[in-house]
N, C-alpha and C. Protein backbone atom coordinates (compact mmCIF):
# COMPACT_ATOMS: atom_id res chain seq x y z
N LEU A 1 15.46 10.17 3.72
CA LEU A 1 15.36 8.73 3.78
C LEU A 1 16.72 8.10 4.01
N ALA A 2 17.73 8.66 3.38
CA ALA A 2 19.08 8.13 3.55
C ALA A 2 19.55 8.24 5.00
N PHE A 3 19.24 9.36 5.65
CA PHE A 3 19.63 9.53 7.05
C PHE A 3 18.90 8.53 7.95
N PHE A 4 17.61 8.35 7.71
CA PHE A 4 16.86 7.38 8.49
C PHE A 4 17.40 5.97 8.26
N GLU A 5 17.70 5.67 7.01
CA GLU A 5 18.23 4.34 6.69
C GLU A 5 19.56 4.11 7.41
N GLN A 6 20.41 5.12 7.41
CA GLN A 6 21.69 5.01 8.10
C GLN A 6 21.48 4.79 9.59
N ALA A 7 20.60 5.57 10.18
CA ALA A 7 20.35 5.42 11.63
C ALA A 7 19.69 4.09 11.93
N PHE A 8 18.80 3.65 11.05
CA PHE A 8 18.06 2.42 11.28
C PHE A 8 18.97 1.19 11.15
N SER A 9 19.94 1.27 10.27
CA SER A 9 20.80 0.10 10.05
C SER A 9 22.17 0.26 10.68
N ASP A 10 22.31 1.18 11.62
CA ASP A 10 23.57 1.38 12.33
C ASP A 10 23.97 0.07 13.03
N PRO A 11 25.21 -0.40 12.80
CA PRO A 11 25.63 -1.67 13.40
C PRO A 11 25.57 -1.67 14.93
N GLU A 12 25.69 -0.52 15.55
CA GLU A 12 25.61 -0.45 17.01
C GLU A 12 24.18 -0.66 17.53
N ARG A 13 23.20 -0.64 16.62
CA ARG A 13 21.80 -0.84 17.01
C ARG A 13 21.41 -2.31 16.92
N LYS A 14 22.35 -3.20 16.69
CA LYS A 14 22.04 -4.64 16.55
C LYS A 14 21.27 -5.13 17.76
N GLY A 15 20.37 -6.10 17.51
CA GLY A 15 19.56 -6.64 18.60
C GLY A 15 18.31 -5.80 18.78
N THR A 16 17.54 -6.14 19.75
CA THR A 16 16.30 -5.44 20.02
C THR A 16 16.57 -4.18 20.83
N GLN A 17 16.12 -3.08 20.29
CA GLN A 17 16.29 -1.80 20.99
C GLN A 17 15.14 -1.60 21.95
N PRO A 18 15.42 -1.05 23.11
CA PRO A 18 14.31 -0.72 24.02
C PRO A 18 13.47 0.37 23.37
N LEU A 19 12.19 0.28 23.59
CA LEU A 19 11.29 1.25 22.99
C LEU A 19 11.31 2.53 23.80
N ASP A 20 11.81 3.58 23.18
CA ASP A 20 11.84 4.88 23.81
C ASP A 20 11.43 5.91 22.75
N ASP A 21 11.43 7.18 23.12
CA ASP A 21 10.99 8.21 22.20
C ASP A 21 11.82 8.21 20.91
N TYR A 22 13.13 8.12 21.04
CA TYR A 22 14.00 8.12 19.87
C TYR A 22 13.63 6.96 18.94
N GLU A 23 13.47 5.78 19.53
CA GLU A 23 13.21 4.57 18.74
C GLU A 23 11.86 4.65 18.01
N VAL A 24 10.81 5.11 18.66
CA VAL A 24 9.51 5.17 17.99
C VAL A 24 9.51 6.21 16.88
N ILE A 25 10.16 7.32 17.11
CA ILE A 25 10.24 8.36 16.07
C ILE A 25 11.05 7.83 14.88
N LEU A 26 12.15 7.16 15.16
CA LEU A 26 12.97 6.60 14.10
C LEU A 26 12.19 5.55 13.30
N ARG A 27 11.56 4.61 13.99
CA ARG A 27 10.82 3.55 13.31
C ARG A 27 9.69 4.10 12.45
N TYR A 28 8.91 5.00 13.04
CA TYR A 28 7.76 5.54 12.30
C TYR A 28 8.21 6.38 11.10
N ASN A 29 9.15 7.26 11.32
CA ASN A 29 9.57 8.13 10.22
C ASN A 29 10.31 7.36 9.12
N TYR A 30 11.03 6.34 9.48
CA TYR A 30 11.68 5.50 8.48
C TYR A 30 10.61 4.78 7.66
N ALA A 31 9.62 4.20 8.32
CA ALA A 31 8.55 3.51 7.61
C ALA A 31 7.79 4.48 6.70
N ARG A 32 7.49 5.66 7.21
CA ARG A 32 6.77 6.66 6.40
C ARG A 32 7.64 7.17 5.25
N GLY A 33 8.95 7.28 5.49
CA GLY A 33 9.83 7.67 4.39
C GLY A 33 9.82 6.63 3.28
N LEU A 34 9.85 5.37 3.65
CA LEU A 34 9.78 4.30 2.66
C LEU A 34 8.43 4.34 1.94
N GLN A 35 7.37 4.58 2.71
CA GLN A 35 6.03 4.64 2.12
C GLN A 35 5.93 5.81 1.13
N GLN A 36 6.42 6.96 1.50
CA GLN A 36 6.35 8.11 0.60
C GLN A 36 7.24 7.94 -0.63
N ALA A 37 8.39 7.29 -0.45
CA ALA A 37 9.24 7.01 -1.62
C ALA A 37 8.50 6.09 -2.59
N CYS A 38 7.74 5.18 -2.06
CA CYS A 38 6.92 4.28 -2.88
C CYS A 38 5.82 5.05 -3.59
N LEU A 39 5.05 5.81 -2.82
CA LEU A 39 3.86 6.47 -3.38
C LEU A 39 4.17 7.67 -4.27
N VAL A 40 5.13 8.46 -3.87
CA VAL A 40 5.40 9.71 -4.58
C VAL A 40 6.47 9.55 -5.65
N LEU A 41 7.54 8.85 -5.30
CA LEU A 41 8.67 8.74 -6.22
C LEU A 41 8.68 7.42 -7.00
N TYR A 42 7.76 6.52 -6.68
CA TYR A 42 7.64 5.22 -7.35
C TYR A 42 8.91 4.38 -7.21
N TYR A 43 9.59 4.51 -6.09
CA TYR A 43 10.73 3.65 -5.78
C TYR A 43 10.21 2.27 -5.38
N GLY A 44 11.05 1.30 -5.41
CA GLY A 44 10.67 -0.05 -5.05
C GLY A 44 10.71 -0.29 -3.56
N THR A 45 10.12 0.59 -2.79
CA THR A 45 10.16 0.50 -1.33
C THR A 45 8.83 0.09 -0.74
N CYS A 46 7.85 -0.25 -1.56
CA CYS A 46 6.49 -0.53 -1.08
C CYS A 46 6.45 -1.72 -0.12
N VAL A 47 7.12 -2.79 -0.48
CA VAL A 47 7.08 -4.01 0.34
C VAL A 47 7.73 -3.75 1.69
N ASP A 48 8.87 -3.10 1.69
CA ASP A 48 9.56 -2.80 2.94
C ASP A 48 8.73 -1.83 3.79
N ALA A 49 8.13 -0.84 3.15
CA ALA A 49 7.29 0.11 3.89
C ALA A 49 6.11 -0.61 4.54
N ARG A 50 5.47 -1.48 3.80
CA ARG A 50 4.33 -2.23 4.34
C ARG A 50 4.76 -3.07 5.55
N ARG A 51 5.88 -3.76 5.40
CA ARG A 51 6.36 -4.62 6.49
C ARG A 51 6.63 -3.81 7.74
N ARG A 52 7.31 -2.69 7.59
CA ARG A 52 7.66 -1.87 8.76
C ARG A 52 6.43 -1.23 9.40
N LEU A 53 5.49 -0.78 8.59
CA LEU A 53 4.26 -0.20 9.14
C LEU A 53 3.43 -1.27 9.86
N GLU A 54 3.38 -2.47 9.31
CA GLU A 54 2.65 -3.56 9.98
C GLU A 54 3.32 -3.92 11.31
N GLU A 55 4.66 -3.88 11.35
CA GLU A 55 5.37 -4.15 12.60
C GLU A 55 5.01 -3.10 13.65
N ILE A 56 4.95 -1.85 13.24
CA ILE A 56 4.61 -0.76 14.17
C ILE A 56 3.19 -0.95 14.68
N LEU A 57 2.26 -1.25 13.79
CA LEU A 57 0.87 -1.44 14.18
C LEU A 57 0.73 -2.61 15.16
N ALA A 58 1.43 -3.69 14.89
CA ALA A 58 1.41 -4.84 15.81
C ALA A 58 2.00 -4.48 17.15
N GLU A 59 3.06 -3.69 17.11
CA GLU A 59 3.72 -3.27 18.35
C GLU A 59 2.80 -2.39 19.18
N MET A 60 1.95 -1.62 18.52
CA MET A 60 1.04 -0.71 19.23
C MET A 60 -0.05 -1.45 19.99
N ASP A 61 -0.18 -2.75 19.79
CA ASP A 61 -1.16 -3.53 20.54
C ASP A 61 -0.83 -3.57 22.03
N GLY A 62 0.43 -3.41 22.36
CA GLY A 62 0.82 -3.38 23.78
C GLY A 62 0.55 -2.00 24.35
N SER A 63 -0.01 -1.93 25.54
CA SER A 63 -0.38 -0.63 26.11
C SER A 63 0.83 0.25 26.37
N ALA A 64 1.96 -0.35 26.78
CA ALA A 64 3.16 0.45 27.04
C ALA A 64 3.68 1.06 25.74
N ALA A 65 3.72 0.26 24.67
CA ALA A 65 4.18 0.76 23.38
C ALA A 65 3.23 1.82 22.84
N LEU A 66 1.94 1.57 22.98
CA LEU A 66 0.95 2.54 22.51
C LEU A 66 1.12 3.88 23.22
N ARG A 67 1.41 3.82 24.51
CA ARG A 67 1.63 5.06 25.27
C ARG A 67 2.83 5.84 24.73
N ILE A 68 3.90 5.12 24.42
CA ILE A 68 5.11 5.81 23.92
C ILE A 68 4.85 6.39 22.54
N TYR A 69 4.21 5.60 21.67
CA TYR A 69 3.88 6.13 20.34
C TYR A 69 2.94 7.33 20.46
N SER A 70 1.91 7.20 21.29
CA SER A 70 0.94 8.28 21.46
C SER A 70 1.58 9.55 22.01
N SER A 71 2.54 9.39 22.91
CA SER A 71 3.20 10.56 23.47
C SER A 71 4.01 11.30 22.41
N ASN A 72 4.31 10.61 21.32
CA ASN A 72 5.02 11.24 20.19
C ASN A 72 4.07 11.55 19.03
N ARG A 73 2.78 11.58 19.35
CA ARG A 73 1.72 11.93 18.40
C ARG A 73 1.65 10.97 17.21
N ILE A 74 1.85 9.71 17.48
CA ILE A 74 1.73 8.67 16.46
C ILE A 74 0.62 7.73 16.93
N GLN A 75 -0.48 7.74 16.20
CA GLN A 75 -1.65 6.96 16.57
C GLN A 75 -1.83 5.78 15.63
N PRO A 76 -2.48 4.70 16.09
CA PRO A 76 -2.72 3.54 15.22
C PRO A 76 -3.45 3.91 13.93
N LYS A 77 -4.37 4.86 14.02
CA LYS A 77 -5.12 5.27 12.82
C LYS A 77 -4.18 5.84 11.75
N GLN A 78 -3.17 6.60 12.15
CA GLN A 78 -2.20 7.14 11.18
C GLN A 78 -1.46 6.01 10.47
N VAL A 79 -1.05 5.04 11.24
CA VAL A 79 -0.29 3.92 10.68
C VAL A 79 -1.19 3.12 9.73
N GLN A 80 -2.45 2.90 10.14
CA GLN A 80 -3.39 2.17 9.29
C GLN A 80 -3.67 2.95 8.01
N THR A 81 -3.78 4.25 8.09
CA THR A 81 -4.01 5.07 6.90
C THR A 81 -2.82 4.95 5.93
N ALA A 82 -1.61 4.95 6.48
CA ALA A 82 -0.42 4.78 5.63
C ALA A 82 -0.44 3.42 4.94
N LEU A 83 -0.87 2.39 5.66
CA LEU A 83 -1.00 1.06 5.05
C LEU A 83 -2.09 1.04 3.99
N ASP A 84 -3.21 1.70 4.26
CA ASP A 84 -4.31 1.77 3.29
C ASP A 84 -3.85 2.48 2.01
N ASP A 85 -3.05 3.51 2.16
CA ASP A 85 -2.54 4.23 1.00
C ASP A 85 -1.65 3.32 0.13
N LEU A 86 -0.86 2.47 0.79
CA LEU A 86 -0.05 1.50 0.03
C LEU A 86 -0.95 0.51 -0.70
N GLY A 87 -2.02 0.08 -0.04
CA GLY A 87 -2.96 -0.83 -0.68
C GLY A 87 -3.64 -0.20 -1.88
N ALA A 88 -4.02 1.06 -1.74
CA ALA A 88 -4.65 1.77 -2.86
C ALA A 88 -3.69 1.89 -4.03
N ARG A 89 -2.44 2.13 -3.74
CA ARG A 89 -1.43 2.21 -4.81
C ARG A 89 -1.35 0.90 -5.57
N ALA A 90 -1.36 -0.22 -4.85
CA ALA A 90 -1.28 -1.52 -5.49
C ALA A 90 -2.51 -1.75 -6.39
N LEU A 91 -3.68 -1.33 -5.92
CA LEU A 91 -4.89 -1.47 -6.74
C LEU A 91 -4.83 -0.60 -7.99
N ARG A 92 -4.38 0.64 -7.82
CA ARG A 92 -4.26 1.54 -8.99
C ARG A 92 -3.27 0.99 -9.98
N ASP A 93 -2.18 0.39 -9.49
CA ASP A 93 -1.19 -0.21 -10.38
C ASP A 93 -1.79 -1.36 -11.18
N ARG A 94 -2.60 -2.17 -10.52
CA ARG A 94 -3.25 -3.28 -11.23
C ARG A 94 -4.21 -2.76 -12.28
N TYR A 95 -4.96 -1.71 -11.96
CA TYR A 95 -5.89 -1.13 -12.93
C TYR A 95 -5.11 -0.55 -14.11
N ARG A 96 -3.99 0.10 -13.82
CA ARG A 96 -3.15 0.66 -14.88
C ARG A 96 -2.64 -0.45 -15.80
N VAL A 97 -2.26 -1.58 -15.23
CA VAL A 97 -1.81 -2.71 -16.04
C VAL A 97 -2.92 -3.18 -16.96
N ALA A 98 -4.15 -3.24 -16.44
CA ALA A 98 -5.29 -3.63 -17.27
C ALA A 98 -5.47 -2.66 -18.44
N MET A 99 -5.34 -1.37 -18.16
CA MET A 99 -5.49 -0.38 -19.23
C MET A 99 -4.35 -0.45 -20.25
N GLU A 100 -3.15 -0.79 -19.79
CA GLU A 100 -2.03 -0.96 -20.71
C GLU A 100 -2.28 -2.17 -21.62
N HIS A 101 -2.82 -3.25 -21.05
CA HIS A 101 -3.19 -4.41 -21.87
C HIS A 101 -4.22 -4.00 -22.90
N SER A 102 -5.20 -3.22 -22.49
CA SER A 102 -6.26 -2.77 -23.39
C SER A 102 -5.70 -1.94 -24.53
N THR A 103 -4.84 -1.01 -24.20
CA THR A 103 -4.23 -0.15 -25.22
C THR A 103 -3.45 -0.96 -26.24
N ALA A 104 -2.83 -2.04 -25.76
CA ALA A 104 -2.06 -2.91 -26.66
C ALA A 104 -2.95 -3.93 -27.37
N GLY A 105 -4.26 -3.89 -27.10
CA GLY A 105 -5.18 -4.82 -27.75
C GLY A 105 -5.21 -6.20 -27.11
N ARG A 106 -4.66 -6.33 -25.93
CA ARG A 106 -4.67 -7.63 -25.22
C ARG A 106 -5.88 -7.66 -24.28
N TYR A 107 -7.06 -7.79 -24.85
CA TYR A 107 -8.29 -7.68 -24.09
C TYR A 107 -8.51 -8.86 -23.14
N VAL A 108 -8.04 -10.03 -23.49
CA VAL A 108 -8.17 -11.18 -22.60
C VAL A 108 -7.37 -10.93 -21.32
N ALA A 109 -6.15 -10.44 -21.47
CA ALA A 109 -5.32 -10.15 -20.29
C ALA A 109 -5.92 -9.02 -19.47
N ALA A 110 -6.41 -7.98 -20.15
CA ALA A 110 -7.03 -6.86 -19.46
C ALA A 110 -8.25 -7.32 -18.68
N LYS A 111 -9.06 -8.16 -19.31
CA LYS A 111 -10.26 -8.67 -18.66
C LYS A 111 -9.91 -9.50 -17.42
N ALA A 112 -8.87 -10.31 -17.51
CA ALA A 112 -8.46 -11.13 -16.37
C ALA A 112 -8.05 -10.27 -15.18
N VAL A 113 -7.30 -9.20 -15.45
CA VAL A 113 -6.87 -8.30 -14.37
C VAL A 113 -8.09 -7.63 -13.74
N LEU A 114 -9.01 -7.15 -14.55
CA LEU A 114 -10.19 -6.48 -14.02
C LEU A 114 -11.09 -7.43 -13.25
N GLU A 115 -11.21 -8.66 -13.69
CA GLU A 115 -12.02 -9.63 -12.95
C GLU A 115 -11.41 -9.89 -11.57
N GLY A 116 -10.08 -9.94 -11.51
CA GLY A 116 -9.40 -10.08 -10.21
C GLY A 116 -9.66 -8.89 -9.32
N LEU A 117 -9.63 -7.69 -9.90
CA LEU A 117 -9.92 -6.48 -9.13
C LEU A 117 -11.36 -6.49 -8.63
N LYS A 118 -12.27 -6.94 -9.47
CA LYS A 118 -13.68 -6.98 -9.08
C LYS A 118 -13.89 -7.95 -7.91
N GLN A 119 -13.19 -9.07 -7.92
CA GLN A 119 -13.27 -10.01 -6.80
C GLN A 119 -12.72 -9.38 -5.53
N ASP A 120 -11.61 -8.66 -5.66
CA ASP A 120 -11.01 -7.99 -4.49
C ASP A 120 -11.94 -6.90 -3.95
N LEU A 121 -12.64 -6.22 -4.85
CA LEU A 121 -13.59 -5.19 -4.44
C LEU A 121 -14.68 -5.79 -3.57
N ALA A 122 -15.13 -6.98 -3.92
CA ALA A 122 -16.17 -7.65 -3.13
C ALA A 122 -15.66 -7.96 -1.73
N LYS A 123 -14.37 -8.21 -1.58
CA LYS A 123 -13.80 -8.57 -0.28
C LYS A 123 -13.51 -7.35 0.58
N ASP A 124 -13.05 -6.25 -0.04
CA ASP A 124 -12.60 -5.10 0.74
C ASP A 124 -12.96 -3.80 0.05
N ARG A 125 -14.19 -3.35 0.26
CA ARG A 125 -14.66 -2.11 -0.36
C ARG A 125 -13.84 -0.90 0.06
N ALA A 126 -13.43 -0.86 1.32
CA ALA A 126 -12.72 0.32 1.84
C ALA A 126 -11.43 0.56 1.08
N ALA A 127 -10.76 -0.48 0.66
CA ALA A 127 -9.50 -0.31 -0.06
C ALA A 127 -9.71 0.40 -1.40
N PHE A 128 -10.89 0.21 -1.97
CA PHE A 128 -11.16 0.80 -3.27
C PHE A 128 -11.60 2.26 -3.18
N VAL A 129 -12.04 2.69 -2.04
CA VAL A 129 -12.51 4.07 -1.88
C VAL A 129 -11.40 5.05 -2.23
N ALA A 130 -10.20 4.80 -1.76
CA ALA A 130 -9.08 5.71 -2.01
C ALA A 130 -8.64 5.72 -3.47
N THR A 131 -8.97 4.68 -4.22
CA THR A 131 -8.52 4.59 -5.61
C THR A 131 -9.45 5.32 -6.56
N GLY A 132 -10.71 5.50 -6.15
CA GLY A 132 -11.70 6.08 -7.06
C GLY A 132 -12.31 5.02 -7.97
N LEU A 133 -11.90 3.77 -7.79
CA LEU A 133 -12.48 2.68 -8.57
C LEU A 133 -13.72 2.17 -7.85
N ASP A 134 -14.71 1.76 -8.61
CA ASP A 134 -15.88 1.14 -8.00
C ASP A 134 -16.42 0.07 -8.94
N ARG A 135 -17.43 -0.62 -8.49
CA ARG A 135 -17.99 -1.72 -9.27
C ARG A 135 -18.50 -1.22 -10.63
N ALA A 136 -19.13 -0.05 -10.67
CA ALA A 136 -19.67 0.47 -11.93
C ALA A 136 -18.55 0.69 -12.95
N ARG A 137 -17.44 1.25 -12.50
CA ARG A 137 -16.31 1.48 -13.40
C ARG A 137 -15.75 0.17 -13.93
N LEU A 138 -15.57 -0.79 -13.03
CA LEU A 138 -15.02 -2.08 -13.44
C LEU A 138 -16.00 -2.81 -14.37
N ASP A 139 -17.30 -2.72 -14.07
CA ASP A 139 -18.30 -3.37 -14.93
C ASP A 139 -18.30 -2.75 -16.33
N ALA A 140 -18.18 -1.42 -16.39
CA ALA A 140 -18.16 -0.73 -17.69
C ALA A 140 -16.92 -1.15 -18.48
N ASP A 141 -15.78 -1.23 -17.84
CA ASP A 141 -14.56 -1.66 -18.52
C ASP A 141 -14.67 -3.10 -18.99
N LEU A 142 -15.20 -3.97 -18.12
CA LEU A 142 -15.36 -5.38 -18.50
C LEU A 142 -16.33 -5.52 -19.67
N SER A 143 -17.38 -4.74 -19.67
CA SER A 143 -18.34 -4.76 -20.78
C SER A 143 -17.64 -4.36 -22.09
N TYR A 144 -16.82 -3.35 -22.01
CA TYR A 144 -16.07 -2.90 -23.20
C TYR A 144 -15.15 -4.01 -23.71
N PHE A 145 -14.44 -4.66 -22.79
CA PHE A 145 -13.52 -5.72 -23.20
C PHE A 145 -14.29 -6.91 -23.78
N ASN A 146 -15.44 -7.23 -23.19
CA ASN A 146 -16.26 -8.32 -23.73
C ASN A 146 -16.73 -7.98 -25.14
N GLU A 147 -17.11 -6.72 -25.33
CA GLU A 147 -17.53 -6.26 -26.65
C GLU A 147 -16.40 -6.38 -27.67
N ARG A 148 -15.24 -5.92 -27.25
CA ARG A 148 -14.06 -6.00 -28.14
C ARG A 148 -13.70 -7.45 -28.48
N LEU A 149 -13.81 -8.32 -27.46
CA LEU A 149 -13.49 -9.73 -27.70
C LEU A 149 -14.53 -10.36 -28.63
N GLY A 150 -15.80 -9.91 -28.53
CA GLY A 150 -16.85 -10.41 -29.41
C GLY A 150 -16.62 -10.00 -30.85
N GLN A 151 -16.05 -8.81 -31.07
CA GLN A 151 -15.78 -8.32 -32.42
C GLN A 151 -14.61 -9.03 -33.06
N GLU A 152 -13.70 -9.53 -32.23
CA GLU A 152 -12.51 -10.20 -32.77
C GLU A 152 -12.81 -11.59 -33.29
N LYS A 153 -13.92 -12.19 -32.84
CA LYS A 153 -14.23 -13.56 -33.22
C LYS A 153 -14.67 -13.66 -34.66
């Protein structure tokens, strides 16, 4: 990642670089390095990884750019999968926060997080597939929190 970062932020690369094999490999691998640092090492690179992957995906809308990326075995589906993995991480993090609230006895806070997740599930089911979370799991957790809140009254 450090080598990609150095190459990516080289002062001689200022301005818009023409899209060539070197540039697409550098952009993609730098974005994937940031994404993997986020997912595997839990570094704070998630936002930057998402931004760079979205830039690549937008760039692939042009047929000339798509040809160059494709010639280097980089397909839009790969980039979208990397973005989906970042989204799944964010969802798992939110679920983890809810469980931490629950462990600490903060059931109102836990319930609020889960209700937000349940609303997001209704909007984008595909994002939840990678997390292993589903409506049944969220409903069971919400039921538990409602029960706990009922006992506290």
